[in-house]
């Protein structure tokens, strides 16, 4: 009987040792899944296209030195947006690329009578508007011209959709409305999300 009891104890110990690793394997924590990959940040730019406006032949007292057939570039970019309720409409910022590089003589007095007119249209909604910009560097002295106070960058609430715009160089005339003086208008297009 003692021998039988010893055999039962040895067998029970062997079973306990054989079962113990299986029990501890089941009790271990499940493997940790890999961390999810964060999404890419929202794009701050949108697909866009642009051609510069080309100036006309500069002659006579109203011309500017080096201004004949000069390209004038205006860029269209998405305006910064804020998270608020109700949400503000999507907008585009039109800006002159480096005003100093758009003119041969930034302080020549005839530039005070010139400005750019950016006419835009949202093809999805039909919304349209105009933005006036200064495309020359402001000199150290005053010209007494309304164009002197125009910005080189302005934002238009265009709304979402494809937005196209034309750029026309305008000249202020004495006792008459401003006249277009560029040979070829500039063209821009931007997809506004």
N, C-alpha and C. Protein backbone atom coordinates (compact mmCIF):
# COMPACT_ATOMS: atom_id res chain seq x y z
N UNK A 1 0.83 -1.18 0.00
CA UNK A 1 0.00 0.00 0.00
C UNK A 1 0.87 1.24 0.00
N UNK A 2 1.97 1.25 0.72
CA UNK A 2 2.86 2.39 0.77
C UNK A 2 3.46 2.64 -0.60
N UNK A 3 3.75 1.51 -1.26
CA UNK A 3 4.31 1.65 -2.60
C UNK A 3 3.27 2.26 -3.54
N UNK A 4 2.04 1.93 -3.42
CA UNK A 4 0.97 2.46 -4.27
C UNK A 4 0.79 3.95 -3.99
N UNK A 5 0.90 4.33 -2.68
CA UNK A 5 0.73 5.74 -2.34
C UNK A 5 1.88 6.56 -2.92
N UNK A 6 3.09 6.03 -2.88
CA UNK A 6 4.25 6.71 -3.42
C UNK A 6 4.11 6.89 -4.93
N UNK A 7 3.60 5.91 -5.61
CA UNK A 7 3.40 5.98 -7.05
C UNK A 7 2.35 7.03 -7.38
N UNK A 8 1.29 7.13 -6.61
CA UNK A 8 0.24 8.11 -6.85
C UNK A 8 0.79 9.52 -6.63
N UNK A 9 1.60 9.72 -5.59
CA UNK A 9 2.17 11.05 -5.31
C UNK A 9 3.12 11.45 -6.43
N UNK A 10 3.97 10.53 -6.89
CA UNK A 10 4.91 10.83 -7.99
C UNK A 10 4.13 11.13 -9.25
N UNK A 11 3.07 10.37 -9.54
CA UNK A 11 2.28 10.59 -10.74
C UNK A 11 1.56 11.92 -10.65
N UNK A 12 1.03 12.28 -9.49
CA UNK A 12 0.32 13.55 -9.31
C UNK A 12 1.29 14.71 -9.47
N UNK A 13 2.51 14.57 -8.97
CA UNK A 13 3.52 15.63 -9.11
C UNK A 13 3.90 15.79 -10.57
N UNK A 14 4.06 14.70 -11.30
CA UNK A 14 4.41 14.78 -12.73
C UNK A 14 3.30 15.44 -13.51
N UNK A 15 2.05 15.10 -13.19
CA UNK A 15 0.91 15.73 -13.87
C UNK A 15 0.88 17.21 -13.55
N UNK A 16 1.12 17.59 -12.28
CA UNK A 16 1.09 18.99 -11.88
C UNK A 16 2.18 19.77 -12.59
N UNK A 17 3.39 19.20 -12.69
CA UNK A 17 4.49 19.87 -13.37
C UNK A 17 4.20 19.97 -14.86
N UNK A 18 3.60 18.94 -15.46
CA UNK A 18 3.26 18.95 -16.89
C UNK A 18 2.15 19.94 -17.21
N UNK A 19 1.22 20.13 -16.27
CA UNK A 19 0.09 21.03 -16.49
C UNK A 19 0.50 22.47 -16.19
N UNK A 20 1.42 22.67 -15.29
CA UNK A 20 1.79 24.02 -14.86
C UNK A 20 2.28 24.89 -16.02
N UNK A 21 3.17 24.40 -16.89
CA UNK A 21 3.58 25.28 -17.99
C UNK A 21 2.41 25.65 -18.88
N UNK A 22 1.49 24.74 -19.11
CA UNK A 22 0.34 25.05 -19.95
C UNK A 22 -0.53 26.09 -19.27
N UNK A 23 -0.68 26.00 -17.96
CA UNK A 23 -1.51 26.94 -17.23
C UNK A 23 -0.87 28.32 -17.27
N UNK A 24 0.46 28.40 -17.10
CA UNK A 24 1.11 29.70 -17.12
C UNK A 24 1.11 30.27 -18.54
N UNK A 25 1.15 29.43 -19.55
CA UNK A 25 1.11 29.94 -20.93
C UNK A 25 -0.25 30.58 -21.20
N UNK A 26 -1.31 29.96 -20.67
CA UNK A 26 -2.65 30.52 -20.87
C UNK A 26 -2.86 31.79 -20.07
N UNK A 27 -2.16 31.94 -18.95
CA UNK A 27 -2.35 33.08 -18.07
C UNK A 27 -1.53 34.29 -18.52
N UNK A 28 -0.62 34.14 -19.48
CA UNK A 28 0.20 35.27 -19.90
C UNK A 28 -0.67 36.27 -20.67
N UNK A 29 -0.32 37.56 -20.65
CA UNK A 29 -1.12 38.56 -21.33
C UNK A 29 -1.05 38.38 -22.85
N UNK A 30 -2.12 38.75 -23.53
CA UNK A 30 -2.11 38.60 -25.00
C UNK A 30 -1.07 39.54 -25.62
N UNK A 31 -0.61 39.20 -26.80
CA UNK A 31 0.40 40.06 -27.43
C UNK A 31 -0.18 41.45 -27.71
N UNK A 32 0.67 42.45 -27.60
CA UNK A 32 0.24 43.83 -27.81
C UNK A 32 0.14 44.10 -29.31
N UNK A 33 -1.01 44.60 -29.77
CA UNK A 33 -1.13 44.88 -31.21
C UNK A 33 -0.26 46.09 -31.56
N UNK A 34 0.18 46.19 -32.80
CA UNK A 34 1.00 47.34 -33.19
C UNK A 34 0.19 48.63 -33.10
N UNK A 35 0.89 49.74 -32.82
CA UNK A 35 0.21 51.03 -32.72
C UNK A 35 -0.32 51.45 -34.09
N UNK A 36 -1.51 52.05 -34.11
CA UNK A 36 -2.02 52.50 -35.41
C UNK A 36 -1.17 53.63 -35.95
N UNK A 37 -1.04 53.69 -37.26
CA UNK A 37 -0.27 54.75 -37.92
C UNK A 37 -1.15 55.99 -37.97
N UNK A 38 -0.65 57.13 -37.46
CA UNK A 38 -1.48 58.32 -37.50
C UNK A 38 -1.71 58.76 -38.94
N UNK A 39 -2.88 59.34 -39.22
CA UNK A 39 -3.13 59.80 -40.60
C UNK A 39 -2.22 60.96 -40.95
N UNK A 40 -2.00 61.15 -42.26
CA UNK A 40 -1.18 62.27 -42.71
C UNK A 40 -1.90 63.56 -42.39
N UNK A 41 -1.17 64.62 -42.05
CA UNK A 41 -1.85 65.89 -41.78
C UNK A 41 -2.53 66.41 -43.03
N UNK A 42 -3.57 67.20 -42.83
CA UNK A 42 -4.31 67.75 -43.96
C UNK A 42 -3.39 68.63 -44.79
N UNK A 43 -3.57 68.56 -46.07
CA UNK A 43 -2.74 69.34 -46.97
C UNK A 43 -3.03 70.83 -46.79
N UNK A 44 -1.97 71.64 -46.78
CA UNK A 44 -2.14 73.08 -46.64
C UNK A 44 -2.17 73.77 -47.99
N UNK A 45 -1.90 73.03 -49.03
CA UNK A 45 -1.99 73.59 -50.36
C UNK A 45 -2.92 72.73 -51.18
N UNK A 46 -3.37 73.29 -52.26
CA UNK A 46 -4.27 72.57 -53.15
C UNK A 46 -3.68 72.62 -54.55
N UNK A 47 -4.08 71.68 -55.40
CA UNK A 47 -3.59 71.73 -56.78
C UNK A 47 -3.92 73.09 -57.40
N UNK A 48 -2.91 73.71 -57.99
CA UNK A 48 -3.15 75.02 -58.59
C UNK A 48 -2.36 75.14 -59.88
N UNK A 49 -2.71 76.17 -60.64
CA UNK A 49 -2.09 76.42 -61.94
C UNK A 49 -2.06 77.92 -62.13
N UNK A 50 -1.04 78.45 -62.74
CA UNK A 50 -1.00 79.88 -62.96
C UNK A 50 -0.07 80.30 -64.07
N UNK A 51 -0.46 81.35 -64.78
CA UNK A 51 0.37 81.98 -65.81
C UNK A 51 0.46 83.46 -65.48
N UNK A 52 1.63 84.09 -65.64
CA UNK A 52 1.75 85.51 -65.30
C UNK A 52 1.04 86.40 -66.32
N UNK A 53 0.67 87.59 -65.87
CA UNK A 53 0.16 88.62 -66.78
C UNK A 53 1.38 89.23 -67.48
N UNK A 54 1.24 89.53 -68.75
CA UNK A 54 2.34 90.12 -69.51
C UNK A 54 1.98 91.56 -69.84
N UNK A 55 2.85 92.48 -69.42
CA UNK A 55 2.61 93.91 -69.65
C UNK A 55 2.67 94.26 -71.12
N UNK A 56 2.18 95.46 -71.43
CA UNK A 56 2.15 95.97 -72.79
C UNK A 56 3.44 96.73 -73.09
N UNK A 57 3.53 97.28 -74.28
CA UNK A 57 4.66 98.09 -74.69
C UNK A 57 4.64 99.39 -73.90
N UNK A 58 5.73 99.73 -73.26
CA UNK A 58 5.82 100.93 -72.42
C UNK A 58 6.48 102.06 -73.21
N UNK A 59 5.69 103.07 -73.58
CA UNK A 59 6.23 104.24 -74.28
C UNK A 59 5.58 105.49 -73.71
N UNK A 60 6.19 106.63 -74.01
CA UNK A 60 5.59 107.90 -73.63
C UNK A 60 5.78 108.24 -72.17
N UNK A 61 5.15 109.31 -71.75
CA UNK A 61 5.35 109.77 -70.37
C UNK A 61 4.73 108.85 -69.32
N UNK A 62 3.77 108.02 -69.71
CA UNK A 62 3.14 107.12 -68.74
C UNK A 62 3.84 105.79 -68.59
N UNK A 63 4.87 105.54 -69.37
CA UNK A 63 5.58 104.26 -69.31
C UNK A 63 6.53 104.20 -68.13
N UNK A 64 7.01 103.01 -67.87
CA UNK A 64 8.00 102.80 -66.80
C UNK A 64 9.25 102.18 -67.41
N UNK A 65 10.42 102.50 -66.89
CA UNK A 65 11.64 101.94 -67.45
C UNK A 65 11.69 100.42 -67.29
N UNK A 66 12.02 99.74 -68.37
CA UNK A 66 12.14 98.28 -68.34
C UNK A 66 10.82 97.56 -68.19
N UNK A 67 9.69 98.22 -68.37
CA UNK A 67 8.39 97.62 -68.14
C UNK A 67 7.74 96.97 -69.33
N UNK A 68 8.30 97.13 -70.54
CA UNK A 68 7.68 96.55 -71.73
C UNK A 68 7.64 95.03 -71.65
N UNK A 69 6.45 94.47 -71.83
CA UNK A 69 6.21 93.02 -71.86
C UNK A 69 6.73 92.31 -70.61
N UNK A 70 6.67 92.99 -69.51
CA UNK A 70 7.15 92.46 -68.24
C UNK A 70 6.13 91.48 -67.64
N UNK A 71 6.56 90.27 -67.20
CA UNK A 71 5.62 89.34 -66.55
C UNK A 71 5.35 89.76 -65.11
N UNK A 72 4.10 89.66 -64.69
CA UNK A 72 3.70 89.96 -63.32
C UNK A 72 3.00 88.72 -62.78
N UNK A 73 3.56 88.14 -61.74
CA UNK A 73 3.06 86.86 -61.21
C UNK A 73 2.26 87.09 -59.93
N UNK A 74 1.06 86.53 -59.92
CA UNK A 74 0.22 86.52 -58.72
C UNK A 74 -0.04 85.05 -58.38
N UNK A 75 0.11 84.69 -57.11
CA UNK A 75 -0.10 83.31 -56.67
C UNK A 75 -1.45 83.18 -55.98
N UNK A 76 -2.06 82.01 -56.12
CA UNK A 76 -3.32 81.68 -55.43
C UNK A 76 -3.05 80.51 -54.51
N UNK A 77 -3.29 80.70 -53.21
CA UNK A 77 -3.09 79.65 -52.21
C UNK A 77 -4.30 79.58 -51.30
N UNK A 78 -4.49 78.41 -50.67
CA UNK A 78 -5.58 78.28 -49.71
C UNK A 78 -5.32 79.19 -48.52
N UNK A 79 -6.34 79.90 -48.08
CA UNK A 79 -6.21 80.76 -46.91
C UNK A 79 -6.21 79.90 -45.66
N UNK A 80 -5.50 80.29 -44.62
CA UNK A 80 -5.54 79.52 -43.37
C UNK A 80 -6.97 79.46 -42.84
N UNK A 81 -7.34 78.32 -42.27
CA UNK A 81 -8.70 78.16 -41.75
C UNK A 81 -8.65 77.93 -40.24
N UNK A 82 -9.75 78.26 -39.59
CA UNK A 82 -9.87 78.05 -38.15
C UNK A 82 -11.04 77.12 -37.90
N UNK A 83 -11.00 76.44 -36.76
CA UNK A 83 -12.10 75.55 -36.39
C UNK A 83 -13.06 76.34 -35.52
N UNK A 84 -14.20 76.61 -36.08
CA UNK A 84 -15.22 77.36 -35.34
C UNK A 84 -16.59 76.97 -35.85
N UNK A 85 -17.60 77.34 -35.07
CA UNK A 85 -18.97 77.06 -35.48
C UNK A 85 -19.75 78.35 -35.49
N UNK A 86 -20.45 78.67 -36.51
CA UNK A 86 -20.51 77.98 -37.79
C UNK A 86 -19.19 78.13 -38.54
N UNK A 87 -18.86 77.16 -39.37
CA UNK A 87 -17.58 77.22 -40.07
C UNK A 87 -17.55 78.39 -41.05
N UNK A 88 -16.37 78.99 -41.18
CA UNK A 88 -16.20 80.07 -42.14
C UNK A 88 -16.06 79.46 -43.54
N UNK A 89 -16.50 80.16 -44.57
CA UNK A 89 -16.37 79.60 -45.92
C UNK A 89 -14.90 79.47 -46.32
N UNK A 90 -14.63 78.53 -47.18
CA UNK A 90 -13.26 78.35 -47.68
C UNK A 90 -12.85 79.62 -48.42
N UNK A 91 -11.56 79.92 -48.37
CA UNK A 91 -11.08 81.16 -48.97
C UNK A 91 -9.75 80.93 -49.68
N UNK A 92 -9.43 81.86 -50.58
CA UNK A 92 -8.18 81.82 -51.33
C UNK A 92 -7.45 83.14 -51.08
N UNK A 93 -6.14 83.05 -50.86
CA UNK A 93 -5.32 84.24 -50.71
C UNK A 93 -4.56 84.48 -52.01
N UNK A 94 -4.79 85.63 -52.60
CA UNK A 94 -4.08 86.04 -53.81
C UNK A 94 -2.95 86.96 -53.37
N UNK A 95 -1.72 86.67 -53.80
CA UNK A 95 -0.59 87.49 -53.39
C UNK A 95 0.40 87.67 -54.53
N UNK A 96 1.02 88.84 -54.56
CA UNK A 96 2.02 89.16 -55.56
C UNK A 96 3.33 88.51 -55.14
N UNK A 97 3.96 87.80 -56.06
CA UNK A 97 5.26 87.18 -55.77
C UNK A 97 6.32 88.26 -55.75
N UNK A 98 6.91 88.50 -54.61
CA UNK A 98 8.04 89.40 -54.45
C UNK A 98 7.87 90.68 -55.27
N UNK A 99 7.16 91.67 -54.74
CA UNK A 99 6.90 92.89 -55.51
C UNK A 99 8.15 93.52 -56.10
N UNK A 100 9.27 93.45 -55.42
CA UNK A 100 10.49 94.08 -55.93
C UNK A 100 10.95 93.46 -57.24
N UNK A 101 10.71 92.15 -57.42
CA UNK A 101 11.16 91.50 -58.65
C UNK A 101 10.20 91.72 -59.80
N UNK A 102 9.02 92.28 -59.52
CA UNK A 102 8.05 92.52 -60.57
C UNK A 102 8.24 93.87 -61.25
N UNK A 103 9.14 94.67 -60.78
CA UNK A 103 9.37 95.98 -61.37
C UNK A 103 10.87 96.20 -61.57
N UNK A 104 11.20 96.91 -62.64
CA UNK A 104 12.61 97.19 -62.90
C UNK A 104 13.10 98.35 -62.05
N UNK A 105 12.23 99.32 -61.78
CA UNK A 105 12.60 100.47 -60.96
C UNK A 105 11.49 100.69 -59.93
N UNK A 106 11.58 100.03 -58.75
CA UNK A 106 10.47 100.03 -57.80
C UNK A 106 10.00 101.41 -57.35
N UNK A 107 10.87 102.42 -57.39
CA UNK A 107 10.46 103.72 -56.90
C UNK A 107 10.14 104.72 -58.01
N UNK A 108 9.98 104.25 -59.22
CA UNK A 108 9.62 105.16 -60.31
C UNK A 108 8.18 105.64 -60.10
N UNK A 109 7.94 106.95 -60.25
CA UNK A 109 6.66 107.55 -59.85
C UNK A 109 5.45 107.05 -60.65
N UNK A 110 5.62 106.52 -61.85
CA UNK A 110 4.47 106.08 -62.64
C UNK A 110 3.81 104.81 -62.08
N UNK A 111 4.53 104.08 -61.22
CA UNK A 111 3.92 102.90 -60.62
C UNK A 111 2.77 103.26 -59.69
N UNK A 112 2.77 104.48 -59.18
CA UNK A 112 1.69 104.91 -58.27
C UNK A 112 0.33 104.92 -58.98
N UNK A 113 0.33 104.94 -60.29
CA UNK A 113 -0.92 104.98 -61.05
C UNK A 113 -1.33 103.59 -61.55
N UNK A 114 -0.67 102.56 -61.06
CA UNK A 114 -0.94 101.20 -61.52
C UNK A 114 -1.33 100.29 -60.36
N UNK A 115 -2.16 99.31 -60.69
CA UNK A 115 -2.49 98.26 -59.73
C UNK A 115 -2.95 97.03 -60.50
N UNK A 116 -3.08 95.91 -59.81
CA UNK A 116 -3.57 94.67 -60.42
C UNK A 116 -5.01 94.44 -59.99
N UNK A 117 -5.80 93.95 -60.91
CA UNK A 117 -7.18 93.59 -60.60
C UNK A 117 -7.31 92.07 -60.80
N UNK A 118 -7.56 91.35 -59.72
CA UNK A 118 -7.73 89.90 -59.79
C UNK A 118 -9.23 89.62 -59.74
N UNK A 119 -9.77 89.12 -60.85
CA UNK A 119 -11.20 88.78 -60.94
C UNK A 119 -11.33 87.27 -60.83
N UNK A 120 -12.07 86.79 -59.83
CA UNK A 120 -12.18 85.34 -59.60
C UNK A 120 -13.63 84.87 -59.72
N UNK A 121 -13.77 83.58 -60.00
CA UNK A 121 -15.10 82.94 -60.07
C UNK A 121 -14.99 81.51 -59.59
N UNK A 122 -15.93 81.09 -58.74
CA UNK A 122 -16.03 79.70 -58.30
C UNK A 122 -16.93 78.98 -59.30
N UNK A 123 -16.38 78.02 -60.02
CA UNK A 123 -17.14 77.34 -61.07
C UNK A 123 -18.24 76.44 -60.52
N UNK A 124 -18.13 76.00 -59.27
CA UNK A 124 -19.13 75.12 -58.68
C UNK A 124 -20.34 75.90 -58.17
N UNK A 125 -20.10 77.07 -57.59
CA UNK A 125 -21.20 77.83 -56.98
C UNK A 125 -21.62 79.05 -57.77
N UNK A 126 -20.76 79.52 -58.66
CA UNK A 126 -21.07 80.73 -59.42
C UNK A 126 -20.68 82.01 -58.69
N UNK A 127 -20.17 81.90 -57.46
CA UNK A 127 -19.75 83.08 -56.72
C UNK A 127 -18.57 83.73 -57.45
N UNK A 128 -18.51 85.06 -57.39
CA UNK A 128 -17.42 85.77 -58.06
C UNK A 128 -17.07 87.04 -57.29
N UNK A 129 -15.95 87.63 -57.62
CA UNK A 129 -15.53 88.85 -56.96
C UNK A 129 -14.24 89.36 -57.55
N UNK A 130 -13.76 90.48 -57.00
CA UNK A 130 -12.53 91.10 -57.45
C UNK A 130 -11.68 91.50 -56.26
N UNK A 131 -10.37 91.47 -56.45
CA UNK A 131 -9.41 91.87 -55.44
C UNK A 131 -8.40 92.79 -56.12
N UNK A 132 -8.14 93.96 -55.54
CA UNK A 132 -7.14 94.89 -56.07
C UNK A 132 -5.85 94.74 -55.27
N UNK A 133 -4.72 94.64 -55.98
CA UNK A 133 -3.41 94.46 -55.34
C UNK A 133 -2.39 95.46 -55.88
N UNK A 134 -1.44 95.80 -55.05
CA UNK A 134 -0.30 96.63 -55.47
C UNK A 134 0.82 95.68 -55.85
N UNK A 135 1.42 95.88 -57.02
CA UNK A 135 2.47 94.97 -57.49
C UNK A 135 3.84 95.65 -57.55
N UNK A 136 3.99 96.73 -56.83
CA UNK A 136 5.26 97.46 -56.82
C UNK A 136 5.58 97.83 -55.37
N UNK A 137 6.86 98.03 -55.12
CA UNK A 137 7.30 98.40 -53.77
C UNK A 137 6.92 99.85 -53.48
N UNK A 138 6.42 100.06 -52.29
CA UNK A 138 6.08 101.42 -51.86
C UNK A 138 7.37 102.19 -51.61
N UNK A 139 7.50 103.41 -52.16
CA UNK A 139 8.74 104.18 -51.93
C UNK A 139 8.76 104.81 -50.55
N UNK A 140 9.83 105.51 -50.27
CA UNK A 140 10.00 106.15 -48.97
C UNK A 140 9.16 107.43 -48.83
N UNK A 141 8.66 107.93 -49.92
CA UNK A 141 7.87 109.16 -49.90
C UNK A 141 6.45 108.86 -50.39
N UNK A 142 5.51 109.78 -50.13
CA UNK A 142 4.12 109.57 -50.52
C UNK A 142 3.86 110.04 -51.94
N UNK A 143 3.02 109.29 -52.66
CA UNK A 143 2.66 109.63 -54.02
C UNK A 143 1.32 110.37 -54.10
N UNK A 144 0.52 110.30 -53.05
CA UNK A 144 -0.84 110.83 -53.07
C UNK A 144 -1.67 110.10 -54.13
N UNK A 145 -1.60 108.77 -54.07
CA UNK A 145 -2.33 107.92 -55.00
C UNK A 145 -3.07 106.85 -54.22
N UNK A 146 -4.33 106.54 -54.61
CA UNK A 146 -5.05 105.48 -53.89
C UNK A 146 -4.39 104.11 -54.05
N UNK A 147 -3.64 103.90 -55.11
CA UNK A 147 -2.98 102.61 -55.32
C UNK A 147 -1.85 102.37 -54.34
N UNK A 148 -1.32 103.44 -53.76
CA UNK A 148 -0.21 103.33 -52.81
C UNK A 148 -0.63 102.55 -51.57
N UNK A 149 -1.90 102.61 -51.20
CA UNK A 149 -2.38 101.96 -49.99
C UNK A 149 -2.93 100.56 -50.22
N UNK A 150 -2.88 100.07 -51.43
CA UNK A 150 -3.36 98.71 -51.71
C UNK A 150 -2.40 97.68 -51.12
N UNK A 151 -2.93 96.52 -50.70
CA UNK A 151 -2.04 95.47 -50.17
C UNK A 151 -1.39 94.69 -51.30
N UNK A 152 -0.35 93.94 -50.97
CA UNK A 152 0.27 93.04 -51.95
C UNK A 152 -0.30 91.63 -51.82
N UNK A 153 -1.20 91.43 -50.84
CA UNK A 153 -1.84 90.14 -50.63
C UNK A 153 -3.23 90.38 -50.05
N UNK A 154 -4.23 89.63 -50.55
CA UNK A 154 -5.60 89.79 -50.06
C UNK A 154 -6.30 88.44 -50.13
N UNK A 155 -7.26 88.23 -49.23
CA UNK A 155 -8.00 86.97 -49.15
C UNK A 155 -9.43 87.19 -49.61
N UNK A 156 -9.92 86.25 -50.43
CA UNK A 156 -11.29 86.29 -50.94
C UNK A 156 -12.03 85.05 -50.48
N UNK A 157 -13.25 85.22 -49.93
CA UNK A 157 -14.08 84.09 -49.50
C UNK A 157 -14.74 83.48 -50.73
N UNK A 158 -14.05 82.54 -51.35
CA UNK A 158 -14.51 81.95 -52.60
C UNK A 158 -15.47 80.78 -52.39
N UNK A 159 -15.40 80.11 -51.25
CA UNK A 159 -16.15 78.88 -51.03
C UNK A 159 -15.42 77.71 -51.66
N UNK A 160 -15.92 76.51 -51.42
CA UNK A 160 -15.29 75.30 -51.95
C UNK A 160 -15.64 75.11 -53.42
N UNK A 161 -14.70 74.51 -54.14
CA UNK A 161 -14.91 74.22 -55.55
C UNK A 161 -13.73 74.72 -56.38
N UNK A 162 -13.78 74.48 -57.69
CA UNK A 162 -12.70 74.98 -58.55
C UNK A 162 -12.85 76.49 -58.73
N UNK A 163 -11.77 77.21 -58.45
CA UNK A 163 -11.78 78.67 -58.58
C UNK A 163 -10.80 79.07 -59.67
N UNK A 164 -11.27 79.88 -60.62
CA UNK A 164 -10.41 80.42 -61.67
C UNK A 164 -10.35 81.93 -61.50
N UNK A 165 -9.22 82.51 -61.89
CA UNK A 165 -9.05 83.95 -61.75
C UNK A 165 -8.21 84.49 -62.89
N UNK A 166 -8.47 85.73 -63.25
CA UNK A 166 -7.66 86.43 -64.23
C UNK A 166 -7.00 87.63 -63.55
N UNK A 167 -5.80 87.97 -64.03
CA UNK A 167 -5.05 89.10 -63.47
C UNK A 167 -4.86 90.13 -64.57
N UNK A 168 -5.31 91.35 -64.30
CA UNK A 168 -5.20 92.44 -65.27
C UNK A 168 -4.45 93.60 -64.63
N UNK A 169 -3.46 94.13 -65.33
CA UNK A 169 -2.78 95.33 -64.84
C UNK A 169 -3.59 96.54 -65.25
N UNK A 170 -3.92 97.38 -64.29
CA UNK A 170 -4.77 98.54 -64.52
C UNK A 170 -3.97 99.83 -64.33
N UNK A 171 -4.37 100.88 -65.08
CA UNK A 171 -3.74 102.20 -64.92
C UNK A 171 -4.83 103.21 -64.62
N UNK A 172 -4.62 104.00 -63.55
CA UNK A 172 -5.54 105.06 -63.18
C UNK A 172 -5.41 106.19 -64.21
N UNK A 173 -6.56 106.70 -64.66
CA UNK A 173 -6.56 107.78 -65.63
C UNK A 173 -7.18 109.04 -65.03
N UNK A 174 -6.83 110.15 -65.60
CA UNK A 174 -7.36 111.41 -65.12
C UNK A 174 -8.82 111.55 -65.55
N UNK A 175 -9.71 111.71 -64.61
CA UNK A 175 -11.14 111.89 -64.82
C UNK A 175 -11.75 110.80 -65.71
N UNK A 176 -11.28 109.58 -65.53
CA UNK A 176 -11.81 108.43 -66.28
C UNK A 176 -11.57 107.17 -65.44
N UNK A 177 -12.35 106.12 -65.71
CA UNK A 177 -12.11 104.89 -64.96
C UNK A 177 -10.77 104.27 -65.34
N UNK A 178 -10.21 103.44 -64.45
CA UNK A 178 -8.94 102.78 -64.78
C UNK A 178 -9.06 101.93 -66.05
N UNK A 179 -7.96 101.87 -66.80
CA UNK A 179 -7.94 101.11 -68.06
C UNK A 179 -6.94 99.97 -67.94
N UNK A 180 -7.25 98.85 -68.62
CA UNK A 180 -6.34 97.70 -68.66
C UNK A 180 -5.16 98.05 -69.56
N UNK A 181 -3.94 97.77 -69.09
CA UNK A 181 -2.75 98.11 -69.88
C UNK A 181 -1.84 96.91 -70.13
N UNK A 182 -2.29 95.71 -69.84
CA UNK A 182 -1.41 94.57 -70.11
C UNK A 182 -1.76 93.96 -71.47
N UNK A 183 -0.76 93.36 -72.10
CA UNK A 183 -0.96 92.73 -73.40
C UNK A 183 -1.70 91.40 -73.26
N UNK A 184 -1.34 90.62 -72.25
CA UNK A 184 -1.96 89.31 -72.01
C UNK A 184 -2.33 89.21 -70.55
N UNK A 185 -3.58 88.93 -70.22
CA UNK A 185 -3.95 88.80 -68.79
C UNK A 185 -3.37 87.51 -68.21
N UNK A 186 -3.12 87.53 -66.92
CA UNK A 186 -2.67 86.33 -66.23
C UNK A 186 -3.87 85.44 -65.93
N UNK A 187 -3.63 84.15 -65.77
CA UNK A 187 -4.68 83.18 -65.51
C UNK A 187 -4.24 82.29 -64.36
N UNK A 188 -5.18 82.00 -63.45
CA UNK A 188 -4.91 81.11 -62.33
C UNK A 188 -6.10 80.18 -62.14
N UNK A 189 -5.85 79.00 -61.60
CA UNK A 189 -6.90 78.07 -61.21
C UNK A 189 -6.43 77.32 -59.96
N UNK A 190 -7.36 77.10 -59.03
CA UNK A 190 -7.03 76.38 -57.79
C UNK A 190 -8.24 75.57 -57.35
N UNK A 191 -8.02 74.36 -56.88
CA UNK A 191 -9.09 73.51 -56.35
C UNK A 191 -9.20 73.77 -54.85
N UNK A 192 -10.32 74.32 -54.42
CA UNK A 192 -10.52 74.66 -53.01
C UNK A 192 -11.36 73.57 -52.35
N UNK A 193 -10.82 72.84 -51.35
CA UNK A 193 -11.58 71.76 -50.73
C UNK A 193 -12.69 72.28 -49.83
